[in-house]
Amino acid sequence: MMPGRRRPARRPSADEAVAREQWSTAHGGVDPEASVWIAGWLSIVHRLTGRLAGRHIPPGWITATGLVVSLLVPLLAWAGDGWPLAAAACAVAAAVLDGVDGALARWEGTESAWGRVLDDVADRCSDLLMLAALALLGAPVALCAAAGIATLLLESARASARGAGLPGIGAVTVWERPSRVIVAAFGTGLCGVAGLVSATDDAVRWIATAAAAIAVLLSAAGLLHLLVALRRALR
């Protein structure tokens, strides 16, 4: 390739294009191509889904596995020293499994209303477990609880709006699942690094507190954004 020339973007396959269209429909018409992160994330999920397709693995099993991996996040964070690094890896792995279960159900035509309910319940448990990991690392419980309450209120308002007839998700806020995973993964990961290089727990506690504070700010902003969007859409 000549110097200075950009490599052309990889064109998605036909199956991947359909998967992205389905994702867009499920997320209120958001164009995944508008974000490099979303497009890349969906590409990873699609490849993993393609490897699992045809193996007769129930999507519910993947949902359950993701929940178990999420449970490891606070347990590994509680272990201290460098173990929070493993907790960060588990947070990312759980998020990947969260994307694969729904994609596999759509791929194999086994998507169901009950499956979506189970997926949502598992997601909320995962959200709270990641915040619990920050609390175990030294973040004030009040901050983690505030972020958890705001997260549950956000998703509850979205679910209520759907029940009232709103199509899609209402609005893409700054506090969606990717943001929650990023805050938890970076928070626990940096705590793991600090636990390995620092002789005291002060650095770990400070990092966990900063991550929890960011979670509070983003969850509050996301909740306000969604409520305003829902009021406009349902009025």
C-alpha atoms as a PDB file:
ATOM      1  CA  MET A   1       0.000   0.000   0.000  1.00  0.00           C
ATOM      2  CA  MET A   2       1.348   3.436  -0.961  1.00  0.00           C
ATOM      3  CA  PRO A   3       2.427   5.695   1.923  1.00  0.00           C
ATOM      4  CA  GLY A   4      -0.240   8.188   2.942  1.00  0.00           C
ATOM      5  CA  ARG A   5      -3.127   6.179   1.501  1.00  0.00           C
ATOM      6  CA  ARG A   6      -5.773   4.920   3.888  1.00  0.00           C
ATOM      7  CA  ARG A   7      -6.684   1.289   3.882  1.00  0.00           C
ATOM      8  CA  PRO A   8     -10.274   0.936   2.625  1.00  0.00           C
ATOM      9  CA  ALA A   9     -12.786  -0.005   5.297  1.00  0.00           C
ATOM     10  CA  ARG A  10     -13.736  -3.662   5.394  1.00  0.00           C
ATOM     11  CA  ARG A  11     -17.140  -4.197   3.860  1.00  0.00           C
ATOM     12  CA  PRO A  12     -19.445  -6.319   6.016  1.00  0.00           C
ATOM     13  CA  SER A  13     -20.704  -9.600   4.619  1.00  0.00           C
ATOM     14  CA  ALA A  14     -24.359 -10.024   3.698  1.00  0.00           C
ATOM     15  CA  ASP A  15     -25.093 -11.862   6.968  1.00  0.00           C
ATOM     16  CA  GLU A  16     -23.258  -9.219   8.973  1.00  0.00           C
ATOM     17  CA  ALA A  17     -25.153  -6.444   7.200  1.00  0.00           C
ATOM     18  CA  VAL A  18     -28.446  -8.121   8.121  1.00  0.00           C
ATOM     19  CA  ALA A  19     -27.279  -8.490  11.741  1.00  0.00           C
ATOM     20  CA  ARG A  20     -26.407  -4.801  11.898  1.00  0.00           C
ATOM     21  CA  GLU A  21     -29.784  -3.876  10.450  1.00  0.00           C
ATOM     22  CA  GLN A  22     -31.501  -6.011  13.089  1.00  0.00           C
ATOM     23  CA  TRP A  23     -29.411  -4.352  15.810  1.00  0.00           C
ATOM     24  CA  SER A  24     -30.337  -0.924  14.468  1.00  0.00           C
ATOM     25  CA  THR A  25     -34.041  -1.812  14.478  1.00  0.00           C
ATOM     26  CA  ALA A  26     -33.807  -3.051  18.067  1.00  0.00           C
ATOM     27  CA  HIS A  27     -32.033   0.153  19.136  1.00  0.00           C
ATOM     28  CA  GLY A  28     -34.389   2.741  17.779  1.00  0.00           C
ATOM     29  CA  GLY A  29     -32.872   3.119  14.328  1.00  0.00           C
ATOM     30  CA  VAL A  30     -29.347   3.973  15.492  1.00  0.00           C
ATOM     31  CA  ASP A  31     -26.913   3.557  12.596  1.00  0.00           C
ATOM     32  CA  PRO A  32     -24.036   1.332  13.790  1.00  0.00           C
ATOM     33  CA  GLU A  33     -21.845   2.615  10.956  1.00  0.00           C
ATOM     34  CA  ALA A  34     -21.941   6.084  12.522  1.00  0.00           C
ATOM     35  CA  SER A  35     -19.611   4.864  15.277  1.00  0.00           C
ATOM     36  CA  VAL A  36     -16.353   2.990  14.779  1.00  0.00           C
ATOM     37  CA  TRP A  37     -16.762   1.494  18.251  1.00  0.00           C
ATOM     38  CA  ILE A  38     -20.258   0.152  17.658  1.00  0.00           C
ATOM     39  CA  ALA A  39     -19.381  -1.165  14.203  1.00  0.00           C
ATOM     40  CA  GLY A  40     -16.270  -2.885  15.542  1.00  0.00           C
ATOM     41  CA  TRP A  41     -18.144  -4.296  18.506  1.00  0.00           C
ATOM     42  CA  LEU A  42     -20.886  -5.715  16.308  1.00  0.00           C
ATOM     43  CA  SER A  43     -18.263  -7.226  14.023  1.00  0.00           C
ATOM     44  CA  ILE A  44     -16.722  -9.109  16.978  1.00  0.00           C
ATOM     45  CA  VAL A  45     -20.151 -10.269  18.167  1.00  0.00           C
ATOM     46  CA  HIS A  46     -21.049 -11.409  14.648  1.00  0.00           C
ATOM     47  CA  ARG A  47     -17.884 -13.487  14.296  1.00  0.00           C
ATOM     48  CA  LEU A  48     -18.403 -15.187  17.645  1.00  0.00           C
ATOM     49  CA  THR A  49     -22.053 -15.786  16.825  1.00  0.00           C
ATOM     50  CA  GLY A  50     -21.078 -17.358  13.498  1.00  0.00           C
ATOM     51  CA  ARG A  51     -18.790 -19.802  15.300  1.00  0.00           C
ATOM     52  CA  LEU A  52     -21.566 -20.820  17.696  1.00  0.00           C
ATOM     53  CA  ALA A  53     -24.326 -21.018  15.094  1.00  0.00           C
ATOM     54  CA  GLY A  54     -25.302 -24.544  14.156  1.00  0.00           C
ATOM     55  CA  ARG A  55     -23.932 -26.045  17.377  1.00  0.00           C
ATOM     56  CA  HIS A  56     -27.421 -26.162  18.919  1.00  0.00           C
ATOM     57  CA  ILE A  57     -26.405 -24.053  21.904  1.00  0.00           C
ATOM     58  CA  PRO A  58     -29.500 -22.449  23.465  1.00  0.00           C
ATOM     59  CA  PRO A  59     -29.083 -18.668  23.714  1.00  0.00           C
ATOM     60  CA  GLY A  60     -30.357 -18.931  27.297  1.00  0.00           C
ATOM     61  CA  TRP A  61     -27.250 -20.880  28.214  1.00  0.00           C
ATOM     62  CA  ILE A  62     -25.090 -18.035  26.934  1.00  0.00           C
ATOM     63  CA  THR A  63     -27.169 -15.574  28.959  1.00  0.00           C
ATOM     64  CA  ALA A  64     -26.643 -17.690  32.070  1.00  0.00           C
ATOM     65  CA  THR A  65     -22.910 -17.997  31.371  1.00  0.00           C
ATOM     66  CA  GLY A  66     -22.637 -14.238  31.013  1.00  0.00           C
ATOM     67  CA  LEU A  67     -24.356 -13.799  34.375  1.00  0.00           C
ATOM     68  CA  VAL A  68     -21.935 -16.231  36.034  1.00  0.00           C
ATOM     69  CA  VAL A  69     -18.982 -14.362  34.519  1.00  0.00           C
ATOM     70  CA  SER A  70     -20.487 -11.102  35.821  1.00  0.00           C
ATOM     71  CA  LEU A  71     -20.652 -12.647  39.301  1.00  0.00           C
ATOM     72  CA  LEU A  72     -16.889 -13.212  39.125  1.00  0.00           C
ATOM     73  CA  VAL A  73     -16.302  -9.453  38.750  1.00  0.00           C
ATOM     74  CA  PRO A  74     -16.982  -8.495  42.416  1.00  0.00           C
ATOM     75  CA  LEU A  75     -15.484 -11.758  43.693  1.00  0.00           C
ATOM     76  CA  LEU A  76     -12.185 -11.145  41.903  1.00  0.00           C
ATOM     77  CA  ALA A  77     -12.214  -7.466  42.873  1.00  0.00           C
ATOM     78  CA  TRP A  78     -12.640  -8.478  46.522  1.00  0.00           C
ATOM     79  CA  ALA A  79      -9.540 -10.696  46.297  1.00  0.00           C
ATOM     80  CA  GLY A  80      -7.344  -7.595  46.124  1.00  0.00           C
ATOM     81  CA  ASP A  81      -3.758  -7.178  44.875  1.00  0.00           C
ATOM     82  CA  GLY A  82      -3.719  -7.713  41.104  1.00  0.00           C
ATOM     83  CA  TRP A  83      -6.942  -9.722  40.931  1.00  0.00           C
ATOM     84  CA  PRO A  84      -9.048  -6.713  39.918  1.00  0.00           C
ATOM     85  CA  LEU A  85      -7.286  -6.966  36.556  1.00  0.00           C
ATOM     86  CA  ALA A  86      -8.977 -10.320  36.090  1.00  0.00           C
ATOM     87  CA  ALA A  87     -12.234  -8.702  37.213  1.00  0.00           C
ATOM     88  CA  ALA A  88     -11.873  -6.160  34.394  1.00  0.00           C
ATOM     89  CA  ALA A  89     -11.369  -8.968  31.884  1.00  0.00           C
ATOM     90  CA  CYS A  90     -14.490 -10.709  33.192  1.00  0.00           C
ATOM     91  CA  ALA A  91     -16.499  -7.495  32.833  1.00  0.00           C
ATOM     92  CA  VAL A  92     -15.550  -7.273  29.161  1.00  0.00           C
ATOM     93  CA  ALA A  93     -16.186 -11.008  28.603  1.00  0.00           C
ATOM     94  CA  ALA A  94     -19.630 -10.730  30.190  1.00  0.00           C
ATOM     95  CA  ALA A  95     -20.463  -7.818  27.896  1.00  0.00           C
ATOM     96  CA  VAL A  96     -19.432  -9.836  24.840  1.00  0.00           C
ATOM     97  CA  LEU A  97     -21.624 -12.748  25.928  1.00  0.00           C
ATOM     98  CA  ASP A  98     -24.460 -10.274  26.463  1.00  0.00           C
ATOM     99  CA  GLY A  99     -24.234  -9.329  22.795  1.00  0.00           C
ATOM    100  CA  VAL A 100     -23.814 -12.869  21.519  1.00  0.00           C
ATOM    101  CA  ASP A 101     -26.923 -14.379  23.147  1.00  0.00           C
ATOM    102  CA  GLY A 102     -29.355 -12.048  21.399  1.00  0.00           C
ATOM    103  CA  ALA A 103     -27.449 -12.189  18.114  1.00  0.00           C
ATOM    104  CA  LEU A 104     -27.465 -15.999  18.190  1.00  0.00           C
ATOM    105  CA  ALA A 105     -31.206 -16.065  18.868  1.00  0.00           C
ATOM    106  CA  ARG A 106     -31.854 -13.796  15.881  1.00  0.00           C
ATOM    107  CA  TRP A 107     -29.402 -15.776  13.706  1.00  0.00           C
ATOM    108  CA  GLU A 108     -31.125 -19.094  14.397  1.00  0.00           C
ATOM    109  CA  GLY A 109     -34.659 -17.699  14.510  1.00  0.00           C
ATOM    110  CA  THR A 110     -35.204 -18.659  18.147  1.00  0.00           C
ATOM    111  CA  GLU A 111     -35.728 -15.151  19.523  1.00  0.00           C
ATOM    112  CA  SER A 112     -38.617 -14.973  21.962  1.00  0.00           C
ATOM    113  CA  ALA A 113     -40.284 -12.502  24.299  1.00  0.00           C
ATOM    114  CA  TRP A 114     -39.285 -14.652  27.298  1.00  0.00           C
ATOM    115  CA  GLY A 115     -35.680 -14.681  26.111  1.00  0.00           C
ATOM    116  CA  ARG A 116     -35.679 -10.890  25.963  1.00  0.00           C
ATOM    117  CA  VAL A 117     -37.036 -10.744  29.510  1.00  0.00           C
ATOM    118  CA  LEU A 118     -34.296 -13.070  30.783  1.00  0.00           C
ATOM    119  CA  ASP A 119     -31.668 -11.058  28.919  1.00  0.00           C
ATOM    120  CA  ASP A 120     -32.865  -7.803  30.492  1.00  0.00           C
ATOM    121  CA  VAL A 121     -32.886  -9.331  33.981  1.00  0.00           C
ATOM    122  CA  ALA A 122     -29.358 -10.675  33.469  1.00  0.00           C
ATOM    123  CA  ASP A 123     -28.208  -7.261  32.217  1.00  0.00           C
ATOM    124  CA  ARG A 124     -29.556  -5.486  35.307  1.00  0.00           C
ATOM    125  CA  CYS A 125     -27.887  -8.043  37.599  1.00  0.00           C
ATOM    126  CA  SER A 126     -24.636  -7.508  35.709  1.00  0.00           C
ATOM    127  CA  ASP A 127     -24.932  -3.726  36.046  1.00  0.00           C
ATOM    128  CA  LEU A 128     -25.336  -3.990  39.819  1.00  0.00           C
ATOM    129  CA  LEU A 129     -22.565  -6.571  40.212  1.00  0.00           C
ATOM    130  CA  MET A 130     -20.085  -4.282  38.449  1.00  0.00           C
ATOM    131  CA  LEU A 131     -20.991  -1.407  40.755  1.00  0.00           C
ATOM    132  CA  ALA A 132     -20.668  -3.762  43.719  1.00  0.00           C
ATOM    133  CA  ALA A 133     -17.113  -4.506  42.575  1.00  0.00           C
ATOM    134  CA  LEU A 134     -16.248  -0.803  42.873  1.00  0.00           C
ATOM    135  CA  ALA A 135     -17.739  -0.731  46.377  1.00  0.00           C
ATOM    136  CA  LEU A 136     -15.648  -3.731  47.402  1.00  0.00           C
ATOM    137  CA  LEU A 137     -12.562  -1.931  46.109  1.00  0.00           C
ATOM    138  CA  GLY A 138     -13.202   0.984  48.453  1.00  0.00           C
ATOM    139  CA  ALA A 139     -15.636   3.287  46.686  1.00  0.00           C
ATOM    140  CA  PRO A 140     -18.290   4.806  48.991  1.00  0.00           C
ATOM    141  CA  VAL A 141     -21.338   2.558  49.109  1.00  0.00           C
ATOM    142  CA  ALA A 142     -23.562   5.634  48.781  1.00  0.00           C
ATOM    143  CA  LEU A 143     -22.028   6.510  45.407  1.00  0.00           C
ATOM    144  CA  CYS A 144     -22.375   2.974  44.078  1.00  0.00           C
ATOM    145  CA  ALA A 145     -25.949   2.755  45.363  1.00  0.00           C
ATOM    146  CA  ALA A 146     -26.828   6.087  43.738  1.00  0.00           C
ATOM    147  CA  ALA A 147     -25.446   4.907  40.400  1.00  0.00           C
ATOM    148  CA  GLY A 148     -27.322   1.624  40.739  1.00  0.00           C
ATOM    149  CA  ILE A 149     -30.625   3.346  41.529  1.00  0.00           C
ATOM    150  CA  ALA A 150     -30.234   5.765  38.603  1.00  0.00           C
ATOM    151  CA  THR A 151     -29.430   2.843  36.293  1.00  0.00           C
ATOM    152  CA  LEU A 152     -32.508   0.896  37.376  1.00  0.00           C
ATOM    153  CA  LEU A 153     -34.699   3.996  37.044  1.00  0.00           C
ATOM    154  CA  LEU A 154     -33.371   4.591  33.524  1.00  0.00           C
ATOM    155  CA  GLU A 155     -34.152   1.070  32.387  1.00  0.00           C
ATOM    156  CA  SER A 156     -37.487   1.055  34.218  1.00  0.00           C
ATOM    157  CA  ALA A 157     -38.561   4.267  32.477  1.00  0.00           C
ATOM    158  CA  ARG A 158     -37.531   2.801  29.118  1.00  0.00           C
ATOM    159  CA  ALA A 159     -39.467  -0.413  29.758  1.00  0.00           C
ATOM    160  CA  SER A 160     -42.554   1.539  30.857  1.00  0.00           C
ATOM    161  CA  ALA A 161     -42.399   3.670  27.713  1.00  0.00           C
ATOM    162  CA  ARG A 162     -42.236   0.537  25.570  1.00  0.00           C
ATOM    163  CA  GLY A 163     -45.254  -0.798  27.406  1.00  0.00           C
ATOM    164  CA  ALA A 164     -47.026   2.463  26.583  1.00  0.00           C
ATOM    165  CA  GLY A 165     -46.403   1.847  22.886  1.00  0.00           C
ATOM    166  CA  LEU A 166     -43.078   3.563  22.248  1.00  0.00           C
ATOM    167  CA  PRO A 167     -41.051   1.754  19.540  1.00  0.00           C
ATOM    168  CA  GLY A 168     -37.312   1.417  20.025  1.00  0.00           C
ATOM    169  CA  ILE A 169     -35.341   2.557  23.073  1.00  0.00           C
ATOM    170  CA  GLY A 170     -36.387   6.199  23.219  1.00  0.00           C
ATOM    171  CA  ALA A 171     -32.871   7.646  23.133  1.00  0.00           C
ATOM    172  CA  VAL A 172     -29.261   6.519  23.200  1.00  0.00           C
ATOM    173  CA  THR A 173     -27.861   8.109  26.345  1.00  0.00           C
ATOM    174  CA  VAL A 174     -24.362   8.411  27.765  1.00  0.00           C
ATOM    175  CA  TRP A 175     -25.164   5.601  30.207  1.00  0.00           C
ATOM    176  CA  GLU A 176     -25.936   2.563  28.095  1.00  0.00           C
ATOM    177  CA  ARG A 177     -24.479  -0.921  28.625  1.00  0.00           C
ATOM    178  CA  PRO A 178     -21.184  -0.137  26.830  1.00  0.00           C
ATOM    179  CA  SER A 179     -20.591   2.896  29.079  1.00  0.00           C
ATOM    180  CA  ARG A 180     -21.344   0.865  32.208  1.00  0.00           C
ATOM    181  CA  VAL A 181     -18.923  -1.858  31.163  1.00  0.00           C
ATOM    182  CA  ILE A 182     -16.203   0.646  30.236  1.00  0.00           C
ATOM    183  CA  VAL A 183     -16.413   2.436  33.601  1.00  0.00           C
ATOM    184  CA  ALA A 184     -16.370  -0.849  35.522  1.00  0.00           C
ATOM    185  CA  ALA A 185     -13.578  -2.381  33.418  1.00  0.00           C
ATOM    186  CA  PHE A 186     -11.320   0.653  33.584  1.00  0.00           C
ATOM    187  CA  GLY A 187     -12.057   1.167  37.275  1.00  0.00           C
ATOM    188  CA  THR A 188     -11.316  -2.408  38.308  1.00  0.00           C
ATOM    189  CA  GLY A 189      -8.399  -2.697  35.883  1.00  0.00           C
ATOM    190  CA  LEU A 190      -6.675   0.425  37.187  1.00  0.00           C
ATOM    191  CA  CYS A 191      -7.301  -0.751  40.747  1.00  0.00           C
ATOM    192  CA  GLY A 192      -5.558  -3.996  39.835  1.00  0.00           C
ATOM    193  CA  VAL A 193      -2.554  -2.118  38.502  1.00  0.00           C
ATOM    194  CA  ALA A 194      -2.469   0.083  41.607  1.00  0.00           C
ATOM    195  CA  GLY A 195      -2.736  -2.988  43.803  1.00  0.00           C
ATOM    196  CA  LEU A 196       0.356  -4.460  42.191  1.00  0.00           C
ATOM    197  CA  VAL A 197       2.548  -1.341  42.288  1.00  0.00           C
ATOM    198  CA  SER A 198       1.329   0.424  45.444  1.00  0.00           C
ATOM    199  CA  ALA A 199       2.169  -0.566  48.991  1.00  0.00           C
ATOM    200  CA  THR A 200      -1.015   1.031  50.381  1.00  0.00           C
ATOM    201  CA  ASP A 201      -4.707   0.742  49.619  1.00  0.00           C
ATOM    202  CA  ASP A 202      -5.180   4.503  49.256  1.00  0.00           C
ATOM    203  CA  ALA A 203      -4.569   4.510  45.504  1.00  0.00           C
ATOM    204  CA  VAL A 204      -6.986   1.632  44.955  1.00  0.00           C
ATOM    205  CA  ARG A 205      -9.637   3.341  47.062  1.00  0.00           C
ATOM    206  CA  TRP A 206      -9.170   6.637  45.206  1.00  0.00           C
ATOM    207  CA  ILE A 207      -9.474   4.998  41.777  1.00  0.00           C
ATOM    208  CA  ALA A 208     -12.578   3.074  42.794  1.00  0.00           C
ATOM    209  CA  THR A 209     -14.147   6.244  44.197  1.00  0.00           C
ATOM    210  CA  ALA A 210     -13.377   8.166  41.001  1.00  0.00           C
ATOM    211  CA  ALA A 211     -14.952   5.410  38.880  1.00  0.00           C
ATOM    212  CA  ALA A 212     -18.050   5.369  41.096  1.00  0.00           C
ATOM    213  CA  ALA A 213     -18.334   9.170  40.882  1.00  0.00           C
ATOM    214  CA  ILE A 214     -18.145   8.985  37.088  1.00  0.00           C
ATOM    215  CA  ALA A 215     -20.859   6.321  37.154  1.00  0.00           C
ATOM    216  CA  VAL A 216     -23.097   8.607  39.238  1.00  0.00           C
ATOM    217  CA  LEU A 217     -22.616  11.570  36.891  1.00  0.00           C
ATOM    218  CA  LEU A 218     -23.186   9.549  33.721  1.00  0.00           C
ATOM    219  CA  SER A 219     -26.172   7.655  35.108  1.00  0.00           C
ATOM    220  CA  ALA A 220     -27.830  10.878  36.272  1.00  0.00           C
ATOM    221  CA  ALA A 221     -27.183  12.549  32.916  1.00  0.00           C
ATOM    222  CA  GLY A 222     -28.449   9.495  31.053  1.00  0.00           C
ATOM    223  CA  LEU A 223     -31.616   9.303  33.146  1.00  0.00           C
ATOM    224  CA  LEU A 224     -32.391  12.986  32.595  1.00  0.00           C
ATOM    225  CA  HIS A 225     -31.723  12.690  28.865  1.00  0.00           C
ATOM    226  CA  LEU A 226     -34.001   9.674  28.537  1.00  0.00           C
ATOM    227  CA  LEU A 227     -36.844  11.220  30.541  1.00  0.00           C
ATOM    228  CA  VAL A 228     -36.805  14.340  28.362  1.00  0.00           C
ATOM    229  CA  ALA A 229     -36.756  12.220  25.196  1.00  0.00           C
ATOM    230  CA  LEU A 230     -39.590   9.996  26.428  1.00  0.00           C
ATOM    231  CA  ARG A 231     -41.729  12.986  27.366  1.00  0.00           C
ATOM    232  CA  ARG A 232     -41.327  14.415  23.867  1.00  0.00           C
ATOM    233  CA  ALA A 233     -42.000  11.083  22.186  1.00  0.00           C
ATOM    234  CA  LEU A 234     -45.082  10.173  24.253  1.00  0.00           C
ATOM    235  CA  ARG A 235     -46.651  13.625  24.521  1.00  0.00           C
END
